[in-house]
């Protein structure tokens, strides 16, 4: 399903890939996020995606029936930092930026910490 906005002049449709790419670009800029994680369902392996990789990997976007966004992030966080603080920072930054970018409301953001890495 795609996000829809009805303006006075017509209808604006936003693809979920666009939302995922933008949310990914906001997420990798957050303090404490080392990168997004690609989870292989076949092997159960987690791979750290570099910043040059496609930003929508590691992010799942769903649009609810009432036209709200639900986001799932699979992230790798920095070692030695409080995970709850990193998650709160990620949620607030993504919520603000994605809502401003799309004009749609975010209903839920789920964060799955797939690993911890030392910052180089």
C-alpha atoms as a PDB file:
ATOM      1  CA  UNK A   1       0.000   0.000   0.000  1.00  0.00           C
ATOM      2  CA  UNK A   2       1.182   3.517  -0.711  1.00  0.00           C
ATOM      3  CA  UNK A   3       0.767   6.661   1.341  1.00  0.00           C
ATOM      4  CA  UNK A   4      -1.844   9.017  -0.106  1.00  0.00           C
ATOM      5  CA  UNK A   5      -2.474  12.695   0.489  1.00  0.00           C
ATOM      6  CA  UNK A   6      -5.530  14.376  -0.989  1.00  0.00           C
ATOM      7  CA  UNK A   7      -4.779  17.996  -1.803  1.00  0.00           C
ATOM      8  CA  UNK A   8      -7.223  20.496  -3.222  1.00  0.00           C
ATOM      9  CA  UNK A   9      -5.799  19.968  -6.698  1.00  0.00           C
ATOM     10  CA  UNK A  10      -5.435  16.209  -6.768  1.00  0.00           C
ATOM     11  CA  UNK A  11      -3.938  13.204  -5.074  1.00  0.00           C
ATOM     12  CA  UNK A  12      -0.301  12.691  -4.010  1.00  0.00           C
ATOM     13  CA  UNK A  13       0.891   9.084  -3.749  1.00  0.00           C
ATOM     14  CA  UNK A  14       4.162   8.303  -1.948  1.00  0.00           C
ATOM     15  CA  UNK A  15       5.759   4.894  -2.529  1.00  0.00           C
ATOM     16  CA  UNK A  16       7.002   3.006   0.522  1.00  0.00           C
ATOM     17  CA  UNK A  17      10.489   2.706  -1.040  1.00  0.00           C
ATOM     18  CA  UNK A  18      10.779   6.509  -1.013  1.00  0.00           C
ATOM     19  CA  UNK A  19       9.800   6.625   2.655  1.00  0.00           C
ATOM     20  CA  UNK A  20      12.256   3.817   3.486  1.00  0.00           C
ATOM     21  CA  UNK A  21      15.137   5.509   1.661  1.00  0.00           C
ATOM     22  CA  UNK A  22      14.520   8.838   3.383  1.00  0.00           C
ATOM     23  CA  UNK A  23      14.080   7.217   6.812  1.00  0.00           C
ATOM     24  CA  UNK A  24      17.334   5.303   6.250  1.00  0.00           C
ATOM     25  CA  UNK A  25      19.235   8.470   5.409  1.00  0.00           C
ATOM     26  CA  UNK A  26      17.952  10.100   8.611  1.00  0.00           C
ATOM     27  CA  UNK A  27      18.728   7.004  10.704  1.00  0.00           C
ATOM     28  CA  UNK A  28      22.385   6.645   9.678  1.00  0.00           C
ATOM     29  CA  UNK A  29      22.996  10.259  10.730  1.00  0.00           C
ATOM     30  CA  UNK A  30      21.781   9.619  14.292  1.00  0.00           C
ATOM     31  CA  UNK A  31      24.371   9.464  17.069  1.00  0.00           C
ATOM     32  CA  UNK A  32      25.157   5.917  18.166  1.00  0.00           C
ATOM     33  CA  UNK A  33      23.932   4.206  15.008  1.00  0.00           C
ATOM     34  CA  UNK A  34      26.844   2.390  13.371  1.00  0.00           C
ATOM     35  CA  UNK A  35      24.711   1.314  10.429  1.00  0.00           C
ATOM     36  CA  UNK A  36      21.689  -0.545   9.180  1.00  0.00           C
ATOM     37  CA  UNK A  37      21.608  -4.321   9.359  1.00  0.00           C
ATOM     38  CA  UNK A  38      20.530  -6.671   6.597  1.00  0.00           C
ATOM     39  CA  UNK A  39      19.101  -9.808   8.149  1.00  0.00           C
ATOM     40  CA  UNK A  40      19.262 -12.970   6.046  1.00  0.00           C
ATOM     41  CA  UNK A  41      16.180 -15.014   6.827  1.00  0.00           C
ATOM     42  CA  UNK A  42      17.715 -18.068   5.184  1.00  0.00           C
ATOM     43  CA  UNK A  43      20.897 -18.160   7.292  1.00  0.00           C
ATOM     44  CA  UNK A  44      19.903 -16.010  10.250  1.00  0.00           C
ATOM     45  CA  UNK A  45      23.044 -13.942   9.629  1.00  0.00           C
ATOM     46  CA  UNK A  46      23.263 -10.193  10.186  1.00  0.00           C
ATOM     47  CA  UNK A  47      25.343  -8.055   7.823  1.00  0.00           C
ATOM     48  CA  UNK A  48      26.377  -4.470   8.507  1.00  0.00           C
ATOM     49  CA  UNK A  49      25.463  -2.336   5.519  1.00  0.00           C
ATOM     50  CA  UNK A  50      27.894   0.405   4.597  1.00  0.00           C
ATOM     51  CA  UNK A  51      26.637   3.942   4.123  1.00  0.00           C
ATOM     52  CA  UNK A  52      27.029   3.509   0.372  1.00  0.00           C
ATOM     53  CA  UNK A  53      24.637   0.561   0.288  1.00  0.00           C
ATOM     54  CA  UNK A  54      21.014   1.045  -0.538  1.00  0.00           C
ATOM     55  CA  UNK A  55      19.566   2.940   2.433  1.00  0.00           C
ATOM     56  CA  UNK A  56      16.211   1.186   2.362  1.00  0.00           C
ATOM     57  CA  UNK A  57      17.716  -2.183   3.337  1.00  0.00           C
ATOM     58  CA  UNK A  58      17.169  -2.902   6.993  1.00  0.00           C
ATOM     59  CA  UNK A  59      13.958  -0.844   7.020  1.00  0.00           C
ATOM     60  CA  UNK A  60      10.408  -2.078   6.618  1.00  0.00           C
ATOM     61  CA  UNK A  61       7.608   0.402   5.869  1.00  0.00           C
ATOM     62  CA  UNK A  62       3.905  -0.325   6.211  1.00  0.00           C
ATOM     63  CA  UNK A  63       1.033   2.068   5.582  1.00  0.00           C
ATOM     64  CA  UNK A  64      -1.998   1.370   7.783  1.00  0.00           C
ATOM     65  CA  UNK A  65      -5.598   1.505   6.614  1.00  0.00           C
ATOM     66  CA  UNK A  66      -5.978   4.947   8.183  1.00  0.00           C
ATOM     67  CA  UNK A  67      -2.972   6.232   6.155  1.00  0.00           C
ATOM     68  CA  UNK A  68      -0.366   6.240   8.940  1.00  0.00           C
ATOM     69  CA  UNK A  69       3.220   4.992   8.672  1.00  0.00           C
ATOM     70  CA  UNK A  70       4.696   2.071  10.643  1.00  0.00           C
ATOM     71  CA  UNK A  71       8.487   1.680  10.454  1.00  0.00           C
ATOM     72  CA  UNK A  72      10.736  -1.224  11.484  1.00  0.00           C
ATOM     73  CA  UNK A  73      14.472  -0.521  11.765  1.00  0.00           C
ATOM     74  CA  UNK A  74      17.160  -3.220  11.991  1.00  0.00           C
ATOM     75  CA  UNK A  75      20.237  -1.417  13.301  1.00  0.00           C
ATOM     76  CA  UNK A  76      23.699  -1.987  14.661  1.00  0.00           C
ATOM     77  CA  UNK A  77      24.605   0.333  17.518  1.00  0.00           C
ATOM     78  CA  UNK A  78      27.887   1.632  18.890  1.00  0.00           C
ATOM     79  CA  UNK A  79      29.524  -0.247  21.758  1.00  0.00           C
ATOM     80  CA  UNK A  80      29.583   1.457  25.158  1.00  0.00           C
ATOM     81  CA  UNK A  81      26.547   3.689  24.667  1.00  0.00           C
ATOM     82  CA  UNK A  82      23.133   3.388  26.276  1.00  0.00           C
ATOM     83  CA  UNK A  83      20.894   1.541  23.799  1.00  0.00           C
ATOM     84  CA  UNK A  84      17.694   3.118  25.163  1.00  0.00           C
ATOM     85  CA  UNK A  85      19.128   6.610  24.608  1.00  0.00           C
ATOM     86  CA  UNK A  86      20.190   5.726  21.060  1.00  0.00           C
ATOM     87  CA  UNK A  87      16.717   4.328  20.346  1.00  0.00           C
ATOM     88  CA  UNK A  88      14.964   7.415  21.770  1.00  0.00           C
ATOM     89  CA  UNK A  89      17.189   9.675  19.659  1.00  0.00           C
ATOM     90  CA  UNK A  90      16.517   7.586  16.538  1.00  0.00           C
ATOM     91  CA  UNK A  91      12.755   7.595  17.118  1.00  0.00           C
ATOM     92  CA  UNK A  92      12.515  11.343  17.690  1.00  0.00           C
ATOM     93  CA  UNK A  93      14.721  12.255  14.702  1.00  0.00           C
ATOM     94  CA  UNK A  94      13.009   9.860  12.290  1.00  0.00           C
ATOM     95  CA  UNK A  95       9.512  10.763  13.483  1.00  0.00           C
ATOM     96  CA  UNK A  96      10.071  14.504  13.051  1.00  0.00           C
ATOM     97  CA  UNK A  97      11.903  14.318   9.716  1.00  0.00           C
ATOM     98  CA  UNK A  98       9.688  11.711   8.025  1.00  0.00           C
ATOM     99  CA  UNK A  99       6.481  13.456   9.089  1.00  0.00           C
ATOM    100  CA  UNK A 100       7.812  16.767   7.750  1.00  0.00           C
ATOM    101  CA  UNK A 101       9.008  15.123   4.520  1.00  0.00           C
ATOM    102  CA  UNK A 102       5.860  13.140   3.730  1.00  0.00           C
ATOM    103  CA  UNK A 103       3.057  15.030   5.447  1.00  0.00           C
ATOM    104  CA  UNK A 104       1.851  11.692   6.855  1.00  0.00           C
ATOM    105  CA  UNK A 105       1.681  10.786  10.539  1.00  0.00           C
ATOM    106  CA  UNK A 106       3.883   8.052  11.994  1.00  0.00           C
ATOM    107  CA  UNK A 107       1.915   5.591  14.090  1.00  0.00           C
ATOM    108  CA  UNK A 108       4.738   3.326  15.286  1.00  0.00           C
ATOM    109  CA  UNK A 109       8.512   2.918  15.053  1.00  0.00           C
ATOM    110  CA  UNK A 110       9.997  -0.448  16.043  1.00  0.00           C
ATOM    111  CA  UNK A 111      13.746  -0.751  16.531  1.00  0.00           C
ATOM    112  CA  UNK A 112      15.485  -4.130  16.379  1.00  0.00           C
ATOM    113  CA  UNK A 113      19.081  -3.972  17.611  1.00  0.00           C
ATOM    114  CA  UNK A 114      20.822  -6.675  15.596  1.00  0.00           C
ATOM    115  CA  UNK A 115      24.327  -6.109  16.883  1.00  0.00           C
ATOM    116  CA  UNK A 116      26.871  -3.950  18.679  1.00  0.00           C
ATOM    117  CA  UNK A 117      30.109  -2.749  17.116  1.00  0.00           C
ATOM    118  CA  UNK A 118      33.031  -0.663  18.300  1.00  0.00           C
ATOM    119  CA  UNK A 119      33.347   2.704  16.598  1.00  0.00           C
ATOM    120  CA  UNK A 120      36.561   2.957  14.574  1.00  0.00           C
END
